[in-house]
C-alpha atoms as a PDB file:
ATOM      1  CA  UNK A   1     136.627 105.771  97.148  1.00  0.00           C
ATOM      2  CA  UNK A   2     136.171 106.683  93.472  1.00  0.00           C
ATOM      3  CA  UNK A   3     136.839 110.426  93.329  1.00  0.00           C
ATOM      4  CA  UNK A   4     139.647 110.919  95.841  1.00  0.00           C
ATOM      5  CA  UNK A   5     143.307 111.172  94.865  1.00  0.00           C
ATOM      6  CA  UNK A   6     144.640 107.681  94.131  1.00  0.00           C
ATOM      7  CA  UNK A   7     145.856 106.129  97.387  1.00  0.00           C
ATOM      8  CA  UNK A   8     144.489 108.859  99.654  1.00  0.00           C
ATOM      9  CA  UNK A   9     143.141 107.583 102.975  1.00  0.00           C
ATOM     10  CA  UNK A  10     140.045 109.061 104.593  1.00  0.00           C
ATOM     11  CA  UNK A  11     137.925 107.963 107.534  1.00  0.00           C
ATOM     12  CA  UNK A  12     134.153 108.253 107.304  1.00  0.00           C
ATOM     13  CA  UNK A  13     132.427 108.309 110.654  1.00  0.00           C
ATOM     14  CA  UNK A  14     128.819 108.271 111.756  1.00  0.00           C
ATOM     15  CA  UNK A  15     126.784 108.733 114.868  1.00  0.00           C
ATOM     16  CA  UNK A  16     123.474 107.639 116.278  1.00  0.00           C
ATOM     17  CA  UNK A  17     121.490 105.008 114.437  1.00  0.00           C
ATOM     18  CA  UNK A  18     123.774 105.209 111.377  1.00  0.00           C
ATOM     19  CA  UNK A  19     126.335 103.139 113.271  1.00  0.00           C
ATOM     20  CA  UNK A  20     124.042 100.125 113.170  1.00  0.00           C
ATOM     21  CA  UNK A  21     123.358 100.268 109.423  1.00  0.00           C
ATOM     22  CA  UNK A  22     125.245  98.179 106.872  1.00  0.00           C
ATOM     23  CA  UNK A  23     126.121  98.670 103.190  1.00  0.00           C
ATOM     24  CA  UNK A  24     127.671  95.347 102.223  1.00  0.00           C
ATOM     25  CA  UNK A  25     126.730  95.572  98.538  1.00  0.00           C
ATOM     26  CA  UNK A  26     128.196  99.064  98.190  1.00  0.00           C
ATOM     27  CA  UNK A  27     131.403  98.111 100.003  1.00  0.00           C
ATOM     28  CA  UNK A  28     131.830  95.052  97.787  1.00  0.00           C
ATOM     29  CA  UNK A  29     131.368  97.098  94.619  1.00  0.00           C
ATOM     30  CA  UNK A  30     133.982  99.634  95.739  1.00  0.00           C
ATOM     31  CA  UNK A  31     136.477  96.927  96.692  1.00  0.00           C
ATOM     32  CA  UNK A  32     136.094  95.295  93.300  1.00  0.00           C
ATOM     33  CA  UNK A  33     136.831  98.710  91.772  1.00  0.00           C
ATOM     34  CA  UNK A  34     140.162  98.749  93.601  1.00  0.00           C
ATOM     35  CA  UNK A  35     139.368 100.781  96.699  1.00  0.00           C
ATOM     36  CA  UNK A  36     140.394  99.518 100.135  1.00  0.00           C
ATOM     37  CA  UNK A  37     137.745  99.723 102.845  1.00  0.00           C
ATOM     38  CA  UNK A  38     138.501  98.795 106.430  1.00  0.00           C
ATOM     39  CA  UNK A  39     135.483  98.871 108.740  1.00  0.00           C
ATOM     40  CA  UNK A  40     135.898  99.188 112.498  1.00  0.00           C
ATOM     41  CA  UNK A  41     133.751  96.096 113.028  1.00  0.00           C
ATOM     42  CA  UNK A  42     133.810  92.772 111.253  1.00  0.00           C
ATOM     43  CA  UNK A  43     130.776  93.881 109.240  1.00  0.00           C
ATOM     44  CA  UNK A  44     130.631  96.462 106.461  1.00  0.00           C
ATOM     45  CA  UNK A  45     129.456  99.392 108.540  1.00  0.00           C
ATOM     46  CA  UNK A  46     130.706 102.588 110.141  1.00  0.00           C
ATOM     47  CA  UNK A  47     133.179 104.070 110.857  1.00  0.00           C
ATOM     48  CA  UNK A  48     135.249 102.980 107.882  1.00  0.00           C
ATOM     49  CA  UNK A  49     138.707 103.880 106.552  1.00  0.00           C
ATOM     50  CA  UNK A  50     138.807 104.266 102.773  1.00  0.00           C
ATOM     51  CA  UNK A  51     141.864 104.231 100.523  1.00  0.00           C
ATOM     52  CA  UNK A  52     140.871 105.676  97.180  1.00  0.00           C
ATOM     53  CA  UNK A  53     141.253 103.720  93.961  1.00  0.00           C
ATOM     54  CA  UNK A  54     142.242 104.901  90.546  1.00  0.00           C
ATOM     55  CA  UNK A  55     139.111 105.598  88.595  1.00  0.00           C
ATOM     56  CA  UNK A  56     137.252 102.409  87.642  1.00  0.00           C
ATOM     57  CA  UNK A  57     135.127 102.946  84.504  1.00  0.00           C
ATOM     58  CA  UNK A  58     133.242  99.663  85.006  1.00  0.00           C
ATOM     59  CA  UNK A  59     131.532  98.787  88.289  1.00  0.00           C
ATOM     60  CA  UNK A  60     129.034  96.170  89.353  1.00  0.00           C
ATOM     61  CA  UNK A  61     126.736  96.116  92.382  1.00  0.00           C
ATOM     62  CA  UNK A  62     124.904  92.968  93.405  1.00  0.00           C
ATOM     63  CA  UNK A  63     121.661  92.848  95.363  1.00  0.00           C
ATOM     64  CA  UNK A  64     121.801  96.378  96.809  1.00  0.00           C
ATOM     65  CA  UNK A  65     120.052  96.842 100.123  1.00  0.00           C
ATOM     66  CA  UNK A  66     118.825 100.305  99.133  1.00  0.00           C
ATOM     67  CA  UNK A  67     118.447 102.539  96.112  1.00  0.00           C
ATOM     68  CA  UNK A  68     120.790 104.905  97.978  1.00  0.00           C
ATOM     69  CA  UNK A  69     123.721 102.604  97.212  1.00  0.00           C
ATOM     70  CA  UNK A  70     123.047 102.811  93.468  1.00  0.00           C
ATOM     71  CA  UNK A  71     122.520 106.577  93.632  1.00  0.00           C
ATOM     72  CA  UNK A  72     125.850 106.968  95.438  1.00  0.00           C
ATOM     73  CA  UNK A  73     127.707 105.122  92.676  1.00  0.00           C
ATOM     74  CA  UNK A  74     125.923 107.042  89.920  1.00  0.00           C
ATOM     75  CA  UNK A  75     126.883 110.369  91.506  1.00  0.00           C
ATOM     76  CA  UNK A  76     130.521 109.344  91.983  1.00  0.00           C
ATOM     77  CA  UNK A  77     130.830 108.099  88.411  1.00  0.00           C
ATOM     78  CA  UNK A  78     129.091 111.221  87.067  1.00  0.00           C
ATOM     79  CA  UNK A  79     131.878 113.335  88.574  1.00  0.00           C
ATOM     80  CA  UNK A  80     134.266 111.919  85.947  1.00  0.00           C
ATOM     81  CA  UNK A  81     134.359 112.989  82.281  1.00  0.00           C
ATOM     82  CA  UNK A  82     133.369 110.523  79.625  1.00  0.00           C
ATOM     83  CA  UNK A  83     131.487 107.276  79.918  1.00  0.00           C
ATOM     84  CA  UNK A  84     131.399 104.877  82.884  1.00  0.00           C
ATOM     85  CA  UNK A  85     129.399 101.727  83.474  1.00  0.00           C
ATOM     86  CA  UNK A  86     127.453 100.518  86.491  1.00  0.00           C
ATOM     87  CA  UNK A  87     125.886  97.103  86.149  1.00  0.00           C
ATOM     88  CA  UNK A  88     123.150  96.233  88.638  1.00  0.00           C
ATOM     89  CA  UNK A  89     122.378  92.638  89.508  1.00  0.00           C
ATOM     90  CA  UNK A  90     119.249  91.836  91.487  1.00  0.00           C
ATOM     91  CA  UNK A  91     116.293  93.905  92.593  1.00  0.00           C
ATOM     92  CA  UNK A  92     116.821  97.493  93.754  1.00  0.00           C
ATOM     93  CA  UNK A  93     114.605  98.270  96.780  1.00  0.00           C
ATOM     94  CA  UNK A  94     112.671 101.543  96.463  1.00  0.00           C
ATOM     95  CA  UNK A  95     113.798 101.724  92.846  1.00  0.00           C
ATOM     96  CA  UNK A  96     111.584 104.718  92.100  1.00  0.00           C
ATOM     97  CA  UNK A  97     113.989 106.961  94.039  1.00  0.00           C
ATOM     98  CA  UNK A  98     116.545 106.365  91.287  1.00  0.00           C
ATOM     99  CA  UNK A  99     114.484 108.482  88.902  1.00  0.00           C
ATOM    100  CA  UNK A 100     114.913 111.399  91.309  1.00  0.00           C
ATOM    101  CA  UNK A 101     118.709 110.937  91.213  1.00  0.00           C
ATOM    102  CA  UNK A 102     118.634 110.624  87.427  1.00  0.00           C
ATOM    103  CA  UNK A 103     116.691 113.886  87.066  1.00  0.00           C
ATOM    104  CA  UNK A 104     118.998 115.836  89.363  1.00  0.00           C
ATOM    105  CA  UNK A 105     122.105 114.560  87.583  1.00  0.00           C
ATOM    106  CA  UNK A 106     120.630 115.755  84.284  1.00  0.00           C
ATOM    107  CA  UNK A 107     120.293 119.266  85.697  1.00  0.00           C
ATOM    108  CA  UNK A 108     124.033 119.148  86.418  1.00  0.00           C
ATOM    109  CA  UNK A 109     124.881 118.072  82.880  1.00  0.00           C
ATOM    110  CA  UNK A 110     125.373 114.357  83.518  1.00  0.00           C
ATOM    111  CA  UNK A 111     123.093 111.606  82.332  1.00  0.00           C
ATOM    112  CA  UNK A 112     122.343 107.968  83.081  1.00  0.00           C
ATOM    113  CA  UNK A 113     121.197 105.756  80.215  1.00  0.00           C
ATOM    114  CA  UNK A 114     120.721 102.128  81.143  1.00  0.00           C
ATOM    115  CA  UNK A 115     124.007 100.992  82.668  1.00  0.00           C
ATOM    116  CA  UNK A 116     125.944 103.930  81.189  1.00  0.00           C
ATOM    117  CA  UNK A 117     126.819 107.046  83.210  1.00  0.00           C
ATOM    118  CA  UNK A 118     127.995 110.080  81.215  1.00  0.00           C
ATOM    119  CA  UNK A 119     129.840 112.912  82.947  1.00  0.00           C
ATOM    120  CA  UNK A 120     131.178 115.194  84.058  1.00  0.00           C
ATOM    121  CA  UNK A 121     128.792 117.088  86.279  1.00  0.00           C
ATOM    122  CA  UNK A 122     128.856 120.875  85.944  1.00  0.00           C
ATOM    123  CA  UNK A 123     127.139 123.607  87.889  1.00  0.00           C
ATOM    124  CA  UNK A 124     123.849 124.555  86.168  1.00  0.00           C
ATOM    125  CA  UNK A 125     123.607 127.952  84.538  1.00  0.00           C
ATOM    126  CA  UNK A 126     120.298 128.756  86.202  1.00  0.00           C
ATOM    127  CA  UNK A 127     119.598 128.485  89.937  1.00  0.00           C
ATOM    128  CA  UNK A 128     118.513 125.003  90.949  1.00  0.00           C
ATOM    129  CA  UNK A 129     115.382 124.983  93.109  1.00  0.00           C
ATOM    130  CA  UNK A 130     115.090 122.111  95.578  1.00  0.00           C
ATOM    131  CA  UNK A 131     111.528 120.937  96.186  1.00  0.00           C
ATOM    132  CA  UNK A 132     110.161 120.550  99.711  1.00  0.00           C
ATOM    133  CA  UNK A 133     110.848 117.080 101.070  1.00  0.00           C
ATOM    134  CA  UNK A 134     107.756 115.075 100.161  1.00  0.00           C
ATOM    135  CA  UNK A 135     108.081 112.567 103.011  1.00  0.00           C
ATOM    136  CA  UNK A 136     108.102 115.412 105.545  1.00  0.00           C
ATOM    137  CA  UNK A 137     105.314 117.227 103.714  1.00  0.00           C
ATOM    138  CA  UNK A 138     103.203 114.068 104.006  1.00  0.00           C
ATOM    139  CA  UNK A 139     103.291 114.395 107.801  1.00  0.00           C
ATOM    140  CA  UNK A 140     101.589 117.788 107.722  1.00  0.00           C
ATOM    141  CA  UNK A 141      99.208 116.853 104.923  1.00  0.00           C
ATOM    142  CA  UNK A 142      98.028 113.986 107.128  1.00  0.00           C
ATOM    143  CA  UNK A 143      97.910 116.265 110.171  1.00  0.00           C
ATOM    144  CA  UNK A 144      95.553 118.590 108.318  1.00  0.00           C
ATOM    145  CA  UNK A 145      93.213 115.711 107.599  1.00  0.00           C
ATOM    146  CA  UNK A 146      93.357 114.117 111.052  1.00  0.00           C
ATOM    147  CA  UNK A 147      92.721 117.421 112.825  1.00  0.00           C
ATOM    148  CA  UNK A 148      89.782 118.432 110.660  1.00  0.00           C
ATOM    149  CA  UNK A 149      91.788 121.297 109.191  1.00  0.00           C
ATOM    150  CA  UNK A 150      93.307 122.092 105.825  1.00  0.00           C
ATOM    151  CA  UNK A 151      96.987 122.119 104.859  1.00  0.00           C
ATOM    152  CA  UNK A 152      98.591 123.451 101.694  1.00  0.00           C
ATOM    153  CA  UNK A 153     102.214 122.709 100.823  1.00  0.00           C
ATOM    154  CA  UNK A 154     103.755 125.112  98.323  1.00  0.00           C
ATOM    155  CA  UNK A 155     106.544 124.141  95.951  1.00  0.00           C
ATOM    156  CA  UNK A 156     105.476 120.507  95.632  1.00  0.00           C
ATOM    157  CA  UNK A 157     103.130 119.713  92.792  1.00  0.00           C
ATOM    158  CA  UNK A 158     102.443 117.839  89.593  1.00  0.00           C
ATOM    159  CA  UNK A 159     105.478 116.374  87.894  1.00  0.00           C
ATOM    160  CA  UNK A 160     107.499 115.846  91.049  1.00  0.00           C
ATOM    161  CA  UNK A 161     109.953 112.947  90.770  1.00  0.00           C
ATOM    162  CA  UNK A 162     109.804 112.296  94.494  1.00  0.00           C
ATOM    163  CA  UNK A 163     108.089 108.947  95.113  1.00  0.00           C
ATOM    164  CA  UNK A 164     106.634 110.233  98.385  1.00  0.00           C
ATOM    165  CA  UNK A 165     104.733 112.918  96.468  1.00  0.00           C
ATOM    166  CA  UNK A 166     102.077 110.222  95.992  1.00  0.00           C
ATOM    167  CA  UNK A 167     101.015 110.893  99.602  1.00  0.00           C
ATOM    168  CA  UNK A 168      98.131 113.072  98.405  1.00  0.00           C
ATOM    169  CA  UNK A 169      96.771 110.299  96.174  1.00  0.00           C
ATOM    170  CA  UNK A 170      96.983 107.808  99.032  1.00  0.00           C
ATOM    171  CA  UNK A 171      95.193 110.176 101.409  1.00  0.00           C
ATOM    172  CA  UNK A 172      92.427 110.497  98.804  1.00  0.00           C
ATOM    173  CA  UNK A 173      92.057 106.727  98.780  1.00  0.00           C
ATOM    174  CA  UNK A 174      91.402 106.916 102.536  1.00  0.00           C
ATOM    175  CA  UNK A 175      88.529 109.307 101.777  1.00  0.00           C
ATOM    176  CA  UNK A 176      90.348 112.578 102.427  1.00  0.00           C
ATOM    177  CA  UNK A 177      89.995 115.429  99.953  1.00  0.00           C
ATOM    178  CA  UNK A 178      93.183 116.383  98.133  1.00  0.00           C
ATOM    179  CA  UNK A 179      94.150 118.583  95.200  1.00  0.00           C
ATOM    180  CA  UNK A 180      97.515 118.654  93.459  1.00  0.00           C
ATOM    181  CA  UNK A 181      98.281 121.652  91.283  1.00  0.00           C
ATOM    182  CA  UNK A 182     101.285 122.766  89.272  1.00  0.00           C
ATOM    183  CA  UNK A 183     103.171 124.018  92.325  1.00  0.00           C
ATOM    184  CA  UNK A 184     101.198 123.078  95.425  1.00  0.00           C
ATOM    185  CA  UNK A 185      99.242 120.293  97.079  1.00  0.00           C
ATOM    186  CA  UNK A 186      96.258 120.574  99.451  1.00  0.00           C
ATOM    187  CA  UNK A 187      94.769 118.021 101.833  1.00  0.00           C
ATOM    188  CA  UNK A 188      91.718 118.161 104.113  1.00  0.00           C
ATOM    189  CA  UNK A 189      88.891 115.970 105.347  1.00  0.00           C
ATOM    190  CA  UNK A 190      88.905 113.032 107.749  1.00  0.00           C
ATOM    191  CA  UNK A 191      89.740 109.505 106.527  1.00  0.00           C
ATOM    192  CA  UNK A 192      86.548 107.508 106.116  1.00  0.00           C
ATOM    193  CA  UNK A 193      87.650 104.104 104.805  1.00  0.00           C
ATOM    194  CA  UNK A 194      90.477 101.617 104.971  1.00  0.00           C
ATOM    195  CA  UNK A 195      92.774 100.838 102.060  1.00  0.00           C
ATOM    196  CA  UNK A 196      95.274  98.274 100.870  1.00  0.00           C
ATOM    197  CA  UNK A 197      98.397 100.045  99.620  1.00  0.00           C
ATOM    198  CA  UNK A 198     101.687  98.768  98.223  1.00  0.00           C
ATOM    199  CA  UNK A 199     104.420 101.095  99.515  1.00  0.00           C
ATOM    200  CA  UNK A 200     107.426  99.288  98.064  1.00  0.00           C
ATOM    201  CA  UNK A 201     108.294 102.440  96.083  1.00  0.00           C
ATOM    202  CA  UNK A 202     107.634 104.856  98.969  1.00  0.00           C
ATOM    203  CA  UNK A 203     108.234 103.056 102.295  1.00  0.00           C
ATOM    204  CA  UNK A 204     108.855 106.305 104.200  1.00  0.00           C
ATOM    205  CA  UNK A 205     105.119 106.983 103.918  1.00  0.00           C
ATOM    206  CA  UNK A 206     104.268 103.919 106.002  1.00  0.00           C
ATOM    207  CA  UNK A 207     104.535 105.642 109.433  1.00  0.00           C
ATOM    208  CA  UNK A 208     102.285 108.499 108.291  1.00  0.00           C
ATOM    209  CA  UNK A 209      99.724 106.215 106.688  1.00  0.00           C
ATOM    210  CA  UNK A 210      99.666 103.935 109.735  1.00  0.00           C
ATOM    211  CA  UNK A 211      98.271 106.858 111.743  1.00  0.00           C
ATOM    212  CA  UNK A 212      95.806 107.678 108.951  1.00  0.00           C
ATOM    213  CA  UNK A 213      94.725 104.023 108.896  1.00  0.00           C
ATOM    214  CA  UNK A 214      94.138 104.180 112.643  1.00  0.00           C
ATOM    215  CA  UNK A 215      91.811 107.147 112.160  1.00  0.00           C
ATOM    216  CA  UNK A 216      89.985 105.276 109.384  1.00  0.00           C
ATOM    217  CA  UNK A 217      89.574 102.294 111.705  1.00  0.00           C
ATOM    218  CA  UNK A 218      88.128 104.534 114.392  1.00  0.00           C
ATOM    219  CA  UNK A 219      85.825 106.416 112.029  1.00  0.00           C
ATOM    220  CA  UNK A 220      84.508 103.558 109.904  1.00  0.00           C
ATOM    221  CA  UNK A 221      85.500 100.309 111.584  1.00  0.00           C
ATOM    222  CA  UNK A 222      87.582  99.402 108.527  1.00  0.00           C
ATOM    223  CA  UNK A 223      90.912  97.615 108.318  1.00  0.00           C
ATOM    224  CA  UNK A 224      93.891  98.769 106.251  1.00  0.00           C
ATOM    225  CA  UNK A 225      96.846  96.764 104.987  1.00  0.00           C
ATOM    226  CA  UNK A 226     100.183  98.399 104.108  1.00  0.00           C
ATOM    227  CA  UNK A 227     102.525  96.167 102.105  1.00  0.00           C
ATOM    228  CA  UNK A 228     105.952  96.448 100.458  1.00  0.00           C
ATOM    229  CA  UNK A 229     107.634  97.310 103.761  1.00  0.00           C
ATOM    230  CA  UNK A 230     110.566  94.884 103.618  1.00  0.00           C
ATOM    231  CA  UNK A 231     113.140  97.680 104.040  1.00  0.00           C
ATOM    232  CA  UNK A 232     111.629  99.121 107.231  1.00  0.00           C
ATOM    233  CA  UNK A 233     113.163  96.743 109.786  1.00  0.00           C
ATOM    234  CA  UNK A 234     116.647  97.910 108.747  1.00  0.00           C
ATOM    235  CA  UNK A 235     116.006 101.615 109.298  1.00  0.00           C
ATOM    236  CA  UNK A 236     116.688 103.699 112.421  1.00  0.00           C
ATOM    237  CA  UNK A 237     114.418 101.314 114.305  1.00  0.00           C
ATOM    238  CA  UNK A 238     112.539  98.144 113.458  1.00  0.00           C
ATOM    239  CA  UNK A 239     109.737 100.305 112.159  1.00  0.00           C
ATOM    240  CA  UNK A 240     107.025  97.730 111.528  1.00  0.00           C
ATOM    241  CA  UNK A 241     107.405  96.401 115.061  1.00  0.00           C
ATOM    242  CA  UNK A 242     107.556  99.854 116.665  1.00  0.00           C
ATOM    243  CA  UNK A 243     104.485 101.036 114.758  1.00  0.00           C
ATOM    244  CA  UNK A 244     102.518  97.914 115.681  1.00  0.00           C
ATOM    245  CA  UNK A 245     103.420  98.313 119.340  1.00  0.00           C
ATOM    246  CA  UNK A 246     102.351 101.959 119.352  1.00  0.00           C
ATOM    247  CA  UNK A 247      99.068 101.237 117.589  1.00  0.00           C
ATOM    248  CA  UNK A 248      98.196  98.456 120.021  1.00  0.00           C
ATOM    249  CA  UNK A 249      99.001 100.733 122.971  1.00  0.00           C
ATOM    250  CA  UNK A 250      96.477 103.208 121.548  1.00  0.00           C
ATOM    251  CA  UNK A 251      93.771 100.542 121.479  1.00  0.00           C
ATOM    252  CA  UNK A 252      93.890  99.467 117.839  1.00  0.00           C
ATOM    253  CA  UNK A 253      94.525  95.994 116.467  1.00  0.00           C
ATOM    254  CA  UNK A 254      97.800  95.791 114.561  1.00  0.00           C
ATOM    255  CA  UNK A 255      99.189  92.719 112.867  1.00  0.00           C
ATOM    256  CA  UNK A 256     102.807  92.933 111.751  1.00  0.00           C
ATOM    257  CA  UNK A 257     104.726  90.769 109.307  1.00  0.00           C
ATOM    258  CA  UNK A 258     108.173  90.956 107.728  1.00  0.00           C
ATOM    259  CA  UNK A 259     106.912  93.264 104.976  1.00  0.00           C
ATOM    260  CA  UNK A 260     103.379  94.317 105.914  1.00  0.00           C
ATOM    261  CA  UNK A 261     101.314  95.997 108.602  1.00  0.00           C
ATOM    262  CA  UNK A 262      97.553  95.653 109.125  1.00  0.00           C
ATOM    263  CA  UNK A 263      95.643  98.202 111.190  1.00  0.00           C
ATOM    264  CA  UNK A 264      92.082  97.680 112.318  1.00  0.00           C
ATOM    265  CA  UNK A 265      89.590  98.728 115.011  1.00  0.00           C
ATOM    266  CA  UNK A 266      90.242  97.469 118.506  1.00  0.00           C
ATOM    267  CA  UNK A 267      89.039  97.848 122.065  1.00  0.00           C
ATOM    268  CA  UNK A 268      90.279 101.418 122.350  1.00  0.00           C
ATOM    269  CA  UNK A 269      92.029 102.711 125.425  1.00  0.00           C
ATOM    270  CA  UNK A 270      90.574 103.918 128.683  1.00  0.00           C
ATOM    271  CA  UNK A 271      89.246 107.447 128.277  1.00  0.00           C
ATOM    272  CA  UNK A 272      91.252 109.965 130.251  1.00  0.00           C
ATOM    273  CA  UNK A 273      94.247 107.654 130.602  1.00  0.00           C
ATOM    274  CA  UNK A 274      97.710 108.435 129.288  1.00  0.00           C
ATOM    275  CA  UNK A 275      99.352 106.431 126.505  1.00  0.00           C
ATOM    276  CA  UNK A 276     103.151 106.542 126.655  1.00  0.00           C
ATOM    277  CA  UNK A 277     104.804 105.773 123.310  1.00  0.00           C
ATOM    278  CA  UNK A 278     108.517 105.224 122.704  1.00  0.00           C
ATOM    279  CA  UNK A 279     109.712 106.103 119.171  1.00  0.00           C
ATOM    280  CA  UNK A 280     112.878 104.061 119.747  1.00  0.00           C
ATOM    281  CA  UNK A 281     115.076 106.997 118.797  1.00  0.00           C
ATOM    282  CA  UNK A 282     113.563 107.128 115.306  1.00  0.00           C
ATOM    283  CA  UNK A 283     112.457 110.487 113.899  1.00  0.00           C
ATOM    284  CA  UNK A 284     109.815 108.947 111.637  1.00  0.00           C
ATOM    285  CA  UNK A 285     108.311 106.988 114.515  1.00  0.00           C
ATOM    286  CA  UNK A 286     108.042 110.250 116.445  1.00  0.00           C
ATOM    287  CA  UNK A 287     106.195 111.828 113.493  1.00  0.00           C
ATOM    288  CA  UNK A 288     103.797 108.865 113.348  1.00  0.00           C
ATOM    289  CA  UNK A 289     103.113 108.984 117.082  1.00  0.00           C
ATOM    290  CA  UNK A 290     102.541 112.741 116.912  1.00  0.00           C
ATOM    291  CA  UNK A 291      99.851 112.043 114.313  1.00  0.00           C
ATOM    292  CA  UNK A 292      98.375 109.342 116.551  1.00  0.00           C
ATOM    293  CA  UNK A 293      98.056 112.061 119.168  1.00  0.00           C
ATOM    294  CA  UNK A 294      95.561 113.737 116.813  1.00  0.00           C
ATOM    295  CA  UNK A 295      93.556 110.495 116.694  1.00  0.00           C
ATOM    296  CA  UNK A 296      93.719 109.364 120.342  1.00  0.00           C
ATOM    297  CA  UNK A 297      93.650 111.537 123.459  1.00  0.00           C
ATOM    298  CA  UNK A 298      96.404 111.323 126.041  1.00  0.00           C
ATOM    299  CA  UNK A 299      99.394 110.361 123.872  1.00  0.00           C
ATOM    300  CA  UNK A 300     102.775 111.208 125.377  1.00  0.00           C
ATOM    301  CA  UNK A 301     106.138 110.586 123.710  1.00  0.00           C
ATOM    302  CA  UNK A 302     109.390 109.772 125.395  1.00  0.00           C
ATOM    303  CA  UNK A 303     112.527 111.109 123.681  1.00  0.00           C
ATOM    304  CA  UNK A 304     110.757 113.725 121.523  1.00  0.00           C
ATOM    305  CA  UNK A 305     114.179 115.169 120.656  1.00  0.00           C
ATOM    306  CA  UNK A 306     114.875 112.326 118.222  1.00  0.00           C
ATOM    307  CA  UNK A 307     113.159 114.423 115.522  1.00  0.00           C
ATOM    308  CA  UNK A 308     116.353 116.514 115.373  1.00  0.00           C
ATOM    309  CA  UNK A 309     117.840 114.115 112.819  1.00  0.00           C
ATOM    310  CA  UNK A 310     115.671 115.517 110.019  1.00  0.00           C
ATOM    311  CA  UNK A 311     113.368 118.210 111.474  1.00  0.00           C
ATOM    312  CA  UNK A 312     114.681 119.982 114.595  1.00  0.00           C
ATOM    313  CA  UNK A 313     111.782 122.428 114.648  1.00  0.00           C
ATOM    314  CA  UNK A 314     109.076 119.808 114.168  1.00  0.00           C
ATOM    315  CA  UNK A 315     107.278 120.307 117.487  1.00  0.00           C
ATOM    316  CA  UNK A 316     107.305 124.097 117.153  1.00  0.00           C
ATOM    317  CA  UNK A 317     105.978 123.832 113.595  1.00  0.00           C
ATOM    318  CA  UNK A 318     103.240 121.470 114.748  1.00  0.00           C
ATOM    319  CA  UNK A 319     102.259 123.931 117.494  1.00  0.00           C
ATOM    320  CA  UNK A 320     102.181 126.816 114.997  1.00  0.00           C
ATOM    321  CA  UNK A 321      99.612 124.856 112.994  1.00  0.00           C
ATOM    322  CA  UNK A 322      97.328 124.678 116.005  1.00  0.00           C
ATOM    323  CA  UNK A 323      98.304 121.459 117.788  1.00  0.00           C
ATOM    324  CA  UNK A 324      98.217 121.647 121.578  1.00  0.00           C
ATOM    325  CA  UNK A 325     101.448 120.287 123.001  1.00  0.00           C
ATOM    326  CA  UNK A 326     101.740 119.524 126.711  1.00  0.00           C
ATOM    327  CA  UNK A 327     105.441 119.550 127.532  1.00  0.00           C
END
């Protein structure tokens, strides 16, 4: 919309759960900049036909639904030479992810200062090393703790701008033992206590920590409360609801609200019985339920292939780390 040849028409398509997601604030900002966007449905979703606008040096986005919408505009504006402006009205959900975008843009020679975006981006002289994805790393850090093992993730350490890199600190609050060095992070030890954690800056950690909270409830009889989850219902599934349903099926008590999830000890489930969990086509729900399988015996997932969205080899990697998978 902002970097294409003026008047050029392109169609952006999606598949799977992306088709149900909406970006009304982003679409409005682009239309005000002079682009034409025609969505297939009456709502601002996908697929969408885009007619590019002449460059607009001043943009405004109001009440974005995600930090991703702001990052997208920053990156597009940074492609242009000189100074552009992006004004943001309202609260940006998961705002801490913007610092990650800001840092990466600086590596490519662009910079964001307040509402000003200075370009153009240029390829860096030195190779740019991409860190391991911290939200995926959190899954295996938790798996190490829940299984009584030890996991070390290389390439992710102190100074990371990824909000989900705080996973190690949160695991430590549950009583696990963690160590973050200059270029690696280690986690081990079972969770021994419940916590109250605000995840508004790192909501992708909620599925992982829900399983950790379940183990803490089993081990110590404690209750955990995860807050700041207002963005989860609009993801690939209604994540708070799906997590609560899975936890209850495993014999825990789970209380769900519009932006929180409480996990506490419950009646348990019948020993030797099978617990069938449906991740609702959501890769992160599948990760969470895989971790629950390390806490409760007899967990079986339907649609395990939904992990392909972000981690096609997840089940093989889990098996390589010692998990026993019954297919």
